[in-house]
PDB file of N, CA and C in Angstrom:
ATOM      1  N   MET A   1      -3.188 -77.067  29.266  1.00  0.00           N
ATOM      2  CA  MET A   1      -3.022 -77.204  30.699  1.00  0.00           C
ATOM      3  C   MET A   1      -4.337 -76.930  31.428  1.00  0.00           C
ATOM      4  N   THR A   2      -5.209 -76.144  30.842  1.00  0.00           N
ATOM      5  CA  THR A   2      -6.496 -75.854  31.451  1.00  0.00           C
ATOM      6  C   THR A   2      -7.306 -77.127  31.640  1.00  0.00           C
ATOM      7  N   ASP A   3      -7.234 -78.031  30.656  1.00  0.00           N
ATOM      8  CA  ASP A   3      -7.952 -79.305  30.759  1.00  0.00           C
ATOM      9  C   ASP A   3      -7.474 -80.111  31.953  1.00  0.00           C
ATOM     10  N   VAL A   4      -6.192 -80.066  32.247  1.00  0.00           N
ATOM     11  CA  VAL A   4      -5.636 -80.813  33.377  1.00  0.00           C
ATOM     12  C   VAL A   4      -6.196 -80.263  34.683  1.00  0.00           C
ATOM     13  N   PHE A   5      -6.208 -78.942  34.831  1.00  0.00           N
ATOM     14  CA  PHE A   5      -6.746 -78.346  36.048  1.00  0.00           C
ATOM     15  C   PHE A   5      -8.230 -78.666  36.202  1.00  0.00           C
ATOM     16  N   HIS A   6      -8.968 -78.600  35.104  1.00  0.00           N
ATOM     17  CA  HIS A   6     -10.395 -78.946  35.147  1.00  0.00           C
ATOM     18  C   HIS A   6     -10.577 -80.411  35.555  1.00  0.00           C
ATOM     19  N   ALA A   7      -9.777 -81.298  34.996  1.00  0.00           N
ATOM     20  CA  ALA A   7      -9.889 -82.725  35.307  1.00  0.00           C
ATOM     21  C   ALA A   7      -9.588 -82.991  36.772  1.00  0.00           C
ATOM     22  N   LEU A   8      -8.628 -82.276  37.330  1.00  0.00           N
ATOM     23  CA  LEU A   8      -8.234 -82.493  38.725  1.00  0.00           C
ATOM     24  C   LEU A   8      -9.155 -81.799  39.724  1.00  0.00           C
ATOM     25  N   ASP A   9     -10.076 -80.995  39.227  1.00  0.00           N
ATOM     26  CA  ASP A   9     -10.975 -80.224  40.084  1.00  0.00           C
ATOM     27  C   ASP A   9     -12.117 -81.062  40.664  1.00  0.00           C
ATOM     28  N   ASP A  10     -12.160 -82.342  40.357  1.00  0.00           N
ATOM     29  CA  ASP A  10     -13.241 -83.200  40.825  1.00  0.00           C
ATOM     30  C   ASP A  10     -12.678 -84.324  41.698  1.00  0.00           C
ATOM     31  N   ALA A  11     -13.265 -84.519  42.871  1.00  0.00           N
ATOM     32  CA  ALA A  11     -12.767 -85.526  43.821  1.00  0.00           C
ATOM     33  C   ALA A  11     -12.852 -86.941  43.250  1.00  0.00           C
ATOM     34  N   THR A  12     -13.912 -87.251  42.518  1.00  0.00           N
ATOM     35  CA  THR A  12     -14.050 -88.599  41.946  1.00  0.00           C
ATOM     36  C   THR A  12     -12.962 -88.848  40.911  1.00  0.00           C
ATOM     37  N   ARG A  13     -12.680 -87.854  40.080  1.00  0.00           N
ATOM     38  CA  ARG A  13     -11.625 -88.036  39.079  1.00  0.00           C
ATOM     39  C   ARG A  13     -10.262 -88.210  39.737  1.00  0.00           C
ATOM     40  N   ARG A  14     -10.030 -87.498  40.836  1.00  0.00           N
ATOM     41  CA  ARG A  14      -8.768 -87.688  41.560  1.00  0.00           C
ATOM     42  C   ARG A  14      -8.683 -89.101  42.135  1.00  0.00           C
ATOM     43  N   LEU A  15      -9.800 -89.645  42.622  1.00  0.00           N
ATOM     44  CA  LEU A  15      -9.811 -91.027  43.114  1.00  0.00           C
ATOM     45  C   LEU A  15      -9.533 -92.018  41.982  1.00  0.00           C
ATOM     46  N   VAL A  16     -10.102 -91.761  40.815  1.00  0.00           N
ATOM     47  CA  VAL A  16      -9.849 -92.627  39.653  1.00  0.00           C
ATOM     48  C   VAL A  16      -8.355 -92.635  39.348  1.00  0.00           C
ATOM     49  N   LEU A  17      -7.731 -91.464  39.335  1.00  0.00           N
ATOM     50  CA  LEU A  17      -6.289 -91.395  39.076  1.00  0.00           C
ATOM     51  C   LEU A  17      -5.502 -92.119  40.163  1.00  0.00           C
ATOM     52  N   ASP A  18      -5.913 -91.960  41.419  1.00  0.00           N
ATOM     53  CA  ASP A  18      -5.250 -92.668  42.521  1.00  0.00           C
ATOM     54  C   ASP A  18      -5.300 -94.178  42.299  1.00  0.00           C
ATOM     55  N   GLU A  19      -6.450 -94.670  41.910  1.00  0.00           N
ATOM     56  CA  GLU A  19      -6.608 -96.117  41.706  1.00  0.00           C
ATOM     57  C   GLU A  19      -5.809 -96.610  40.504  1.00  0.00           C
ATOM     58  N   LEU A  20      -5.758 -95.813  39.439  1.00  0.00           N
ATOM     59  CA  LEU A  20      -4.957 -96.205  38.283  1.00  0.00           C
ATOM     60  C   LEU A  20      -3.466 -96.116  38.578  1.00  0.00           C
ATOM     61  N   ALA A  21      -3.078 -95.172  39.425  1.00  0.00           N
ATOM     62  CA  ALA A  21      -1.672 -95.079  39.812  1.00  0.00           C
ATOM     63  C   ALA A  21      -1.278 -96.287  40.665  1.00  0.00           C
ATOM     64  N   ALA A  22      -2.212 -96.768  41.471  1.00  0.00           N
ATOM     65  CA  ALA A  22      -1.946 -97.927  42.321  1.00  0.00           C
ATOM     66  C   ALA A  22      -1.920 -99.225  41.515  1.00  0.00           C
ATOM     67  N   ARG A  23      -2.828 -99.320  40.532  1.00  0.00           N
ATOM     68  CA  ARG A  23      -2.884-100.524  39.692  1.00  0.00           C
ATOM     69  C   ARG A  23      -3.342-100.099  38.303  1.00  0.00           C
ATOM     70  N   ASP A  24      -2.390 -99.969  37.422  1.00  0.00           N
ATOM     71  CA  ASP A  24      -2.638 -99.487  36.068  1.00  0.00           C
ATOM     72  C   ASP A  24      -3.321-100.557  35.218  1.00  0.00           C
ATOM     73  N   GLY A  25      -4.035-100.117  34.185  1.00  0.00           N
ATOM     74  CA  GLY A  25      -4.624-101.040  33.226  1.00  0.00           C
ATOM     75  C   GLY A  25      -5.922-101.666  33.691  1.00  0.00           C
ATOM     76  N   GLN A  26      -6.781-100.894  34.347  1.00  0.00           N
ATOM     77  CA  GLN A  26      -8.050-101.415  34.837  1.00  0.00           C
ATOM     78  C   GLN A  26      -9.173-101.158  33.842  1.00  0.00           C
ATOM     79  N   THR A  27     -10.171-102.023  33.895  1.00  0.00           N
ATOM     80  CA  THR A  27     -11.371-101.843  33.086  1.00  0.00           C
ATOM     81  C   THR A  27     -12.330-100.907  33.818  1.00  0.00           C
ATOM     82  N   LEU A  28     -13.356-100.465  33.127  1.00  0.00           N
ATOM     83  CA  LEU A  28     -14.384 -99.627  33.735  1.00  0.00           C
ATOM     84  C   LEU A  28     -15.033-100.378  34.896  1.00  0.00           C
ATOM     85  N   PHE A  29     -15.333-101.645  34.706  1.00  0.00           N
ATOM     86  CA  PHE A  29     -15.950-102.452  35.753  1.00  0.00           C
ATOM     87  C   PHE A  29     -15.057-102.518  36.998  1.00  0.00           C
ATOM     88  N   GLU A  30     -13.777-102.759  36.788  1.00  0.00           N
ATOM     89  CA  GLU A  30     -12.845-102.828  37.917  1.00  0.00           C
ATOM     90  C   GLU A  30     -12.771-101.497  38.660  1.00  0.00           C
ATOM     91  N   LEU A  31     -12.721-100.401  37.912  1.00  0.00           N
ATOM     92  CA  LEU A  31     -12.666 -99.084  38.547  1.00  0.00           C
ATOM     93  C   LEU A  31     -13.941 -98.790  39.339  1.00  0.00           C
ATOM     94  N   CYS A  32     -15.083 -99.093  38.761  1.00  0.00           N
ATOM     95  CA  CYS A  32     -16.355 -98.857  39.459  1.00  0.00           C
ATOM     96  C   CYS A  32     -16.411 -99.667  40.749  1.00  0.00           C
ATOM     97  N   THR A  33     -15.999-100.918  40.672  1.00  0.00           N
ATOM     98  CA  THR A  33     -16.013-101.783  41.858  1.00  0.00           C
ATOM     99  C   THR A  33     -15.075-101.248  42.934  1.00  0.00           C
ATOM    100  N   THR A  34     -13.869-100.877  42.547  1.00  0.00           N
ATOM    101  CA  THR A  34     -12.891-100.362  43.504  1.00  0.00           C
ATOM    102  C   THR A  34     -13.367 -99.060  44.128  1.00  0.00           C
ATOM    103  N   LEU A  35     -13.912 -98.169  43.324  1.00  0.00           N
ATOM    104  CA  LEU A  35     -14.389 -96.890  43.849  1.00  0.00           C
ATOM    105  C   LEU A  35     -15.527 -97.095  44.842  1.00  0.00           C
ATOM    106  N   THR A  36     -16.389 -98.057  44.579  1.00  0.00           N
ATOM    107  CA  THR A  36     -17.497 -98.343  45.488  1.00  0.00           C
ATOM    108  C   THR A  36     -17.006 -98.991  46.776  1.00  0.00           C
ATOM    109  N   MET A  37     -16.165-100.014  46.643  1.00  0.00           N
ATOM    110  CA  MET A  37     -15.726-100.790  47.804  1.00  0.00           C
ATOM    111  C   MET A  37     -14.744-100.016  48.695  1.00  0.00           C
ATOM    112  N   ARG A  38     -13.793 -99.340  48.110  1.00  0.00           N
ATOM    113  CA  ARG A  38     -12.753 -98.656  48.901  1.00  0.00           C
ATOM    114  C   ARG A  38     -13.138 -97.243  49.328  1.00  0.00           C
ATOM    115  N   HIS A  39     -13.914 -96.570  48.487  1.00  0.00           N
ATOM    116  CA  HIS A  39     -14.144 -95.149  48.723  1.00  0.00           C
ATOM    117  C   HIS A  39     -15.620 -94.780  48.911  1.00  0.00           C
ATOM    118  N   GLY A  40     -16.517 -95.739  48.768  1.00  0.00           N
ATOM    119  CA  GLY A  40     -17.936 -95.468  48.945  1.00  0.00           C
ATOM    120  C   GLY A  40     -18.543 -94.594  47.872  1.00  0.00           C
ATOM    121  N   VAL A  41     -17.906 -94.545  46.712  1.00  0.00           N
ATOM    122  CA  VAL A  41     -18.420 -93.745  45.598  1.00  0.00           C
ATOM    123  C   VAL A  41     -19.597 -94.502  44.986  1.00  0.00           C
ATOM    124  N   GLY A  42     -20.767 -93.876  44.974  1.00  0.00           N
ATOM    125  CA  GLY A  42     -21.966 -94.526  44.464  1.00  0.00           C
ATOM    126  C   GLY A  42     -22.333 -94.097  43.055  1.00  0.00           C
ATOM    127  N   SER A  43     -21.382 -93.656  42.281  1.00  0.00           N
ATOM    128  CA  SER A  43     -21.652 -93.202  40.916  1.00  0.00           C
ATOM    129  C   SER A  43     -21.937 -94.378  39.998  1.00  0.00           C
ATOM    130  N   SER A  44     -22.745 -94.128  38.985  1.00  0.00           N
ATOM    131  CA  SER A  44     -23.072 -95.165  38.001  1.00  0.00           C
ATOM    132  C   SER A  44     -21.870 -95.414  37.082  1.00  0.00           C
ATOM    133  N   ARG A  45     -21.931 -96.513  36.360  1.00  0.00           N
ATOM    134  CA  ARG A  45     -20.880 -96.810  35.372  1.00  0.00           C
ATOM    135  C   ARG A  45     -20.805 -95.691  34.344  1.00  0.00           C
ATOM    136  N   GLN A  46     -21.958 -95.168  33.949  1.00  0.00           N
ATOM    137  CA  GLN A  46     -21.980 -94.086  32.959  1.00  0.00           C
ATOM    138  C   GLN A  46     -21.283 -92.841  33.511  1.00  0.00           C
ATOM    139  N   ALA A  47     -21.514 -92.524  34.774  1.00  0.00           N
ATOM    140  CA  ALA A  47     -20.872 -91.350  35.375  1.00  0.00           C
ATOM    141  C   ALA A  47     -19.359 -91.538  35.444  1.00  0.00           C
ATOM    142  N   ILE A  48     -18.900 -92.727  35.833  1.00  0.00           N
ATOM    143  CA  ILE A  48     -17.456 -92.993  35.900  1.00  0.00           C
ATOM    144  C   ILE A  48     -16.870 -92.944  34.491  1.00  0.00           C
ATOM    145  N   SER A  49     -17.604 -93.444  33.517  1.00  0.00           N
ATOM    146  CA  SER A  49     -17.162 -93.395  32.123  1.00  0.00           C
ATOM    147  C   SER A  49     -16.990 -91.945  31.670  1.00  0.00           C
ATOM    148  N   GLN A  50     -17.889 -91.078  32.086  1.00  0.00           N
ATOM    149  CA  GLN A  50     -17.776 -89.660  31.736  1.00  0.00           C
ATOM    150  C   GLN A  50     -16.562 -89.022  32.425  1.00  0.00           C
ATOM    151  N   HIS A  51     -16.317 -89.408  33.660  1.00  0.00           N
ATOM    152  CA  HIS A  51     -15.121 -88.913  34.351  1.00  0.00           C
ATOM    153  C   HIS A  51     -13.857 -89.368  33.616  1.00  0.00           C
ATOM    154  N   LEU A  52     -13.847 -90.625  33.190  1.00  0.00           N
ATOM    155  CA  LEU A  52     -12.701 -91.143  32.439  1.00  0.00           C
ATOM    156  C   LEU A  52     -12.503 -90.379  31.132  1.00  0.00           C
ATOM    157  N   ALA A  53     -13.590 -89.992  30.488  1.00  0.00           N
ATOM    158  CA  ALA A  53     -13.494 -89.226  29.240  1.00  0.00           C
ATOM    159  C   ALA A  53     -12.840 -87.864  29.485  1.00  0.00           C
ATOM    160  N   VAL A  54     -13.183 -87.224  30.599  1.00  0.00           N
ATOM    161  CA  VAL A  54     -12.572 -85.932  30.939  1.00  0.00           C
ATOM    162  C   VAL A  54     -11.077 -86.121  31.199  1.00  0.00           C
ATOM    163  N   LEU A  55     -10.734 -87.177  31.934  1.00  0.00           N
ATOM    164  CA  LEU A  55      -9.324 -87.461  32.221  1.00  0.00           C
ATOM    165  C   LEU A  55      -8.554 -87.788  30.954  1.00  0.00           C
ATOM    166  N   GLU A  56      -9.201 -88.500  30.036  1.00  0.00           N
ATOM    167  CA  GLU A  56      -8.548 -88.837  28.762  1.00  0.00           C
ATOM    168  C   GLU A  56      -8.349 -87.590  27.913  1.00  0.00           C
ATOM    169  N   GLU A  57      -9.336 -86.718  27.897  1.00  0.00           N
ATOM    170  CA  GLU A  57      -9.221 -85.469  27.132  1.00  0.00           C
ATOM    171  C   GLU A  57      -8.077 -84.601  27.659  1.00  0.00           C
ATOM    172  N   ALA A  58      -7.836 -84.674  28.964  1.00  0.00           N
ATOM    173  CA  ALA A  58      -6.750 -83.899  29.578  1.00  0.00           C
ATOM    174  C   ALA A  58      -5.397 -84.581  29.418  1.00  0.00           C
ATOM    175  N   GLY A  59      -5.386 -85.790  28.865  1.00  0.00           N
ATOM    176  CA  GLY A  59      -4.133 -86.507  28.650  1.00  0.00           C
ATOM    177  C   GLY A  59      -3.643 -87.269  29.870  1.00  0.00           C
ATOM    178  N   LEU A  60      -4.472 -87.336  30.918  1.00  0.00           N
ATOM    179  CA  LEU A  60      -4.085 -88.024  32.143  1.00  0.00           C
ATOM    180  C   LEU A  60      -4.374 -89.521  32.099  1.00  0.00           C
ATOM    181  N   VAL A  61      -5.237 -89.923  31.194  1.00  0.00           N
ATOM    182  CA  VAL A  61      -5.591 -91.335  31.022  1.00  0.00           C
ATOM    183  C   VAL A  61      -5.542 -91.672  29.547  1.00  0.00           C
ATOM    184  N   HIS A  62      -4.974 -92.828  29.261  1.00  0.00           N
ATOM    185  CA  HIS A  62      -4.977 -93.373  27.904  1.00  0.00           C
ATOM    186  C   HIS A  62      -5.653 -94.728  27.946  1.00  0.00           C
ATOM    187  N   THR A  63      -6.289 -95.087  26.838  1.00  0.00           N
ATOM    188  CA  THR A  63      -6.984 -96.368  26.795  1.00  0.00           C
ATOM    189  C   THR A  63      -6.342 -97.293  25.775  1.00  0.00           C
ATOM    190  N   GLU A  64      -6.566 -98.560  26.005  1.00  0.00           N
ATOM    191  CA  GLU A  64      -6.042 -99.604  25.123  1.00  0.00           C
ATOM    192  C   GLU A  64      -7.128-100.668  24.998  1.00  0.00           C
ATOM    193  N   ARG A  65      -7.396-101.060  23.776  1.00  0.00           N
ATOM    194  CA  ARG A  65      -8.387-102.117  23.537  1.00  0.00           C
ATOM    195  C   ARG A  65      -7.684-103.457  23.412  1.00  0.00           C
ATOM    196  N   ARG A  66      -8.209-104.437  24.117  1.00  0.00           N
ATOM    197  CA  ARG A  66      -7.773-105.827  23.984  1.00  0.00           C
ATOM    198  C   ARG A  66      -9.019-106.653  23.756  1.00  0.00           C
ATOM    199  N   GLY A  67      -9.306-106.893  22.490  1.00  0.00           N
ATOM    200  CA  GLY A  67     -10.564-107.566  22.156  1.00  0.00           C
ATOM    201  C   GLY A  67     -11.726-106.673  22.538  1.00  0.00           C
ATOM    202  N   ARG A  68     -12.622-107.198  23.360  1.00  0.00           N
ATOM    203  CA  ARG A  68     -13.769-106.417  23.826  1.00  0.00           C
ATOM    204  C   ARG A  68     -13.462-105.589  25.061  1.00  0.00           C
ATOM    205  N   THR A  69     -12.295-105.773  25.615  1.00  0.00           N
ATOM    206  CA  THR A  69     -11.922-105.115  26.866  1.00  0.00           C
ATOM    207  C   THR A  69     -11.193-103.801  26.588  1.00  0.00           C
ATOM    208  N   LYS A  70     -11.592-102.784  27.312  1.00  0.00           N
ATOM    209  CA  LYS A  70     -10.941-101.478  27.213  1.00  0.00           C
ATOM    210  C   LYS A  70     -10.216-101.227  28.531  1.00  0.00           C
ATOM    211  N   LEU A  71      -8.900-101.092  28.457  1.00  0.00           N
ATOM    212  CA  LEU A  71      -8.079-100.872  29.642  1.00  0.00           C
ATOM    213  C   LEU A  71      -7.698 -99.402  29.752  1.00  0.00           C
ATOM    214  N   HIS A  72      -7.686 -98.912  30.979  1.00  0.00           N
ATOM    215  CA  HIS A  72      -7.382 -97.506  31.243  1.00  0.00           C
ATOM    216  C   HIS A  72      -6.024 -97.416  31.924  1.00  0.00           C
ATOM    217  N   HIS A  73      -5.195 -96.506  31.428  1.00  0.00           N
ATOM    218  CA  HIS A  73      -3.835 -96.345  31.927  1.00  0.00           C
ATOM    219  C   HIS A  73      -3.611 -94.889  32.344  1.00  0.00           C
ATOM    220  N   PHE A  74      -2.984 -94.719  33.497  1.00  0.00           N
ATOM    221  CA  PHE A  74      -2.643 -93.393  34.023  1.00  0.00           C
ATOM    222  C   PHE A  74      -1.388 -92.884  33.330  1.00  0.00           C
ATOM    223  N   ASP A  75      -1.406 -91.615  32.916  1.00  0.00           N
ATOM    224  CA  ASP A  75      -0.243 -90.975  32.303  1.00  0.00           C
ATOM    225  C   ASP A  75       0.089 -89.714  33.101  1.00  0.00           C
ATOM    226  N   PRO A  76       1.166 -89.727  33.889  1.00  0.00           N
ATOM    227  CA  PRO A  76       1.503 -88.572  34.719  1.00  0.00           C
ATOM    228  C   PRO A  76       2.185 -87.428  33.966  1.00  0.00           C
ATOM    229  N   THR A  77       2.408 -87.575  32.671  1.00  0.00           N
ATOM    230  CA  THR A  77       3.132 -86.560  31.897  1.00  0.00           C
ATOM    231  C   THR A  77       2.540 -85.150  32.048  1.00  0.00           C
ATOM    232  N   PRO A  78       1.217 -84.972  31.940  1.00  0.00           N
ATOM    233  CA  PRO A  78       0.686 -83.609  32.109  1.00  0.00           C
ATOM    234  C   PRO A  78       0.950 -83.028  33.501  1.00  0.00           C
ATOM    235  N   LEU A  79       1.000 -83.874  34.514  1.00  0.00           N
ATOM    236  CA  LEU A  79       1.295 -83.395  35.871  1.00  0.00           C
ATOM    237  C   LEU A  79       2.745 -82.934  35.970  1.00  0.00           C
ATOM    238  N   ALA A  80       3.635 -83.653  35.304  1.00  0.00           N
ATOM    239  CA  ALA A  80       5.045 -83.267  35.296  1.00  0.00           C
ATOM    240  C   ALA A  80       5.218 -81.914  34.610  1.00  0.00           C
ATOM    241  N   ALA A  81       4.437 -81.664  33.564  1.00  0.00           N
ATOM    242  CA  ALA A  81       4.521 -80.378  32.862  1.00  0.00           C
ATOM    243  C   ALA A  81       4.105 -79.230  33.781  1.00  0.00           C
ATOM    244  N   ILE A  82       3.122 -79.479  34.638  1.00  0.00           N
ATOM    245  CA  ILE A  82       2.702 -78.445  35.594  1.00  0.00           C
ATOM    246  C   ILE A  82       3.821 -78.192  36.600  1.00  0.00           C
ATOM    247  N   ALA A  83       4.406 -79.264  37.114  1.00  0.00           N
ATOM    248  CA  ALA A  83       5.478 -79.131  38.100  1.00  0.00           C
ATOM    249  C   ALA A  83       6.688 -78.404  37.514  1.00  0.00           C
ATOM    250  N   GLU A  84       6.976 -78.621  36.247  1.00  0.00           N
ATOM    251  CA  GLU A  84       8.101 -77.949  35.601  1.00  0.00           C
ATOM    252  C   GLU A  84       7.837 -76.467  35.394  1.00  0.00           C
ATOM    253  N   ARG A  85       6.568 -76.120  35.273  1.00  0.00           N
ATOM    254  CA  ARG A  85       6.224 -74.719  35.030  1.00  0.00           C
ATOM    255  C   ARG A  85       6.545 -73.845  36.233  1.00  0.00           C
ATOM    256  N   TRP A  86       6.385 -74.382  37.446  1.00  0.00           N
ATOM    257  CA  TRP A  86       6.639 -73.623  38.656  1.00  0.00           C
ATOM    258  C   TRP A  86       7.714 -74.309  39.491  1.00  0.00           C
ATOM    259  N   PRO A  87       8.960 -74.167  39.072  1.00  0.00           N
ATOM    260  CA  PRO A  87      10.022 -74.803  39.858  1.00  0.00           C
ATOM    261  C   PRO A  87      10.154 -74.114  41.224  1.00  0.00           C
ATOM    262  N   THR A  88      10.477 -74.911  42.211  1.00  0.00           N
ATOM    263  CA  THR A  88      10.670 -74.344  43.548  1.00  0.00           C
ATOM    264  C   THR A  88      12.102 -73.848  43.693  1.00  0.00           C
ATOM    265  N   THR A  89      12.249 -72.835  44.510  1.00  0.00           N
ATOM    266  CA  THR A  89      13.582 -72.277  44.732  1.00  0.00           C
ATOM    267  C   THR A  89      14.185 -72.812  46.016  1.00  0.00           C
ATOM    268  N   GLY A  90      13.415 -73.618  46.737  1.00  0.00           N
ATOM    269  CA  GLY A  90      13.889 -74.161  47.981  1.00  0.00           C
ATOM    270  C   GLY A  90      13.640 -73.243  49.165  1.00  0.00           C
ATOM    271  N   GLU A  91      13.071 -72.075  48.906  1.00  0.00           N
ATOM    272  CA  GLU A  91      12.769 -71.138  49.975  1.00  0.00           C
ATOM    273  C   GLU A  91      11.296 -71.284  50.360  1.00  0.00           C
ATOM    274  N   ALA A  92      11.049 -71.254  51.641  1.00  0.00           N
ATOM    275  CA  ALA A  92       9.664 -71.284  52.118  1.00  0.00           C
ATOM    276  C   ALA A  92       9.115 -69.863  52.126  1.00  0.00           C
ATOM    277  N   HIS A  93       7.903 -69.737  51.653  1.00  0.00           N
ATOM    278  CA  HIS A  93       7.238 -68.432  51.631  1.00  0.00           C
ATOM    279  C   HIS A  93       6.069 -68.473  52.593  1.00  0.00           C
ATOM    280  N   PRO A  94       5.863 -67.412  53.361  1.00  0.00           N
ATOM    281  CA  PRO A  94       4.754 -67.391  54.334  1.00  0.00           C
ATOM    282  C   PRO A  94       3.415 -67.343  53.660  1.00  0.00           C
TER     283      PRO A  94
END
């Protein structure tokens, strides 16, 4: 679970997850283009690739090869495990 918290601690990685949640199965090129055009992220392909590696290590992203193309898929399972760990009681706390 520590890997998940570390992965979510970066704004760029959270944007990557947002984009994969909106449209799953994107290539590195597609993600870089979307991050630049929609969010003004000026990171290099190598930097985004490193962010994807952190997300994959945390289990939040899985990859699939189709020929020369590598597709990235969002996996919300680790987030669900966090939510299950701290169930709400329905009471608001100050």
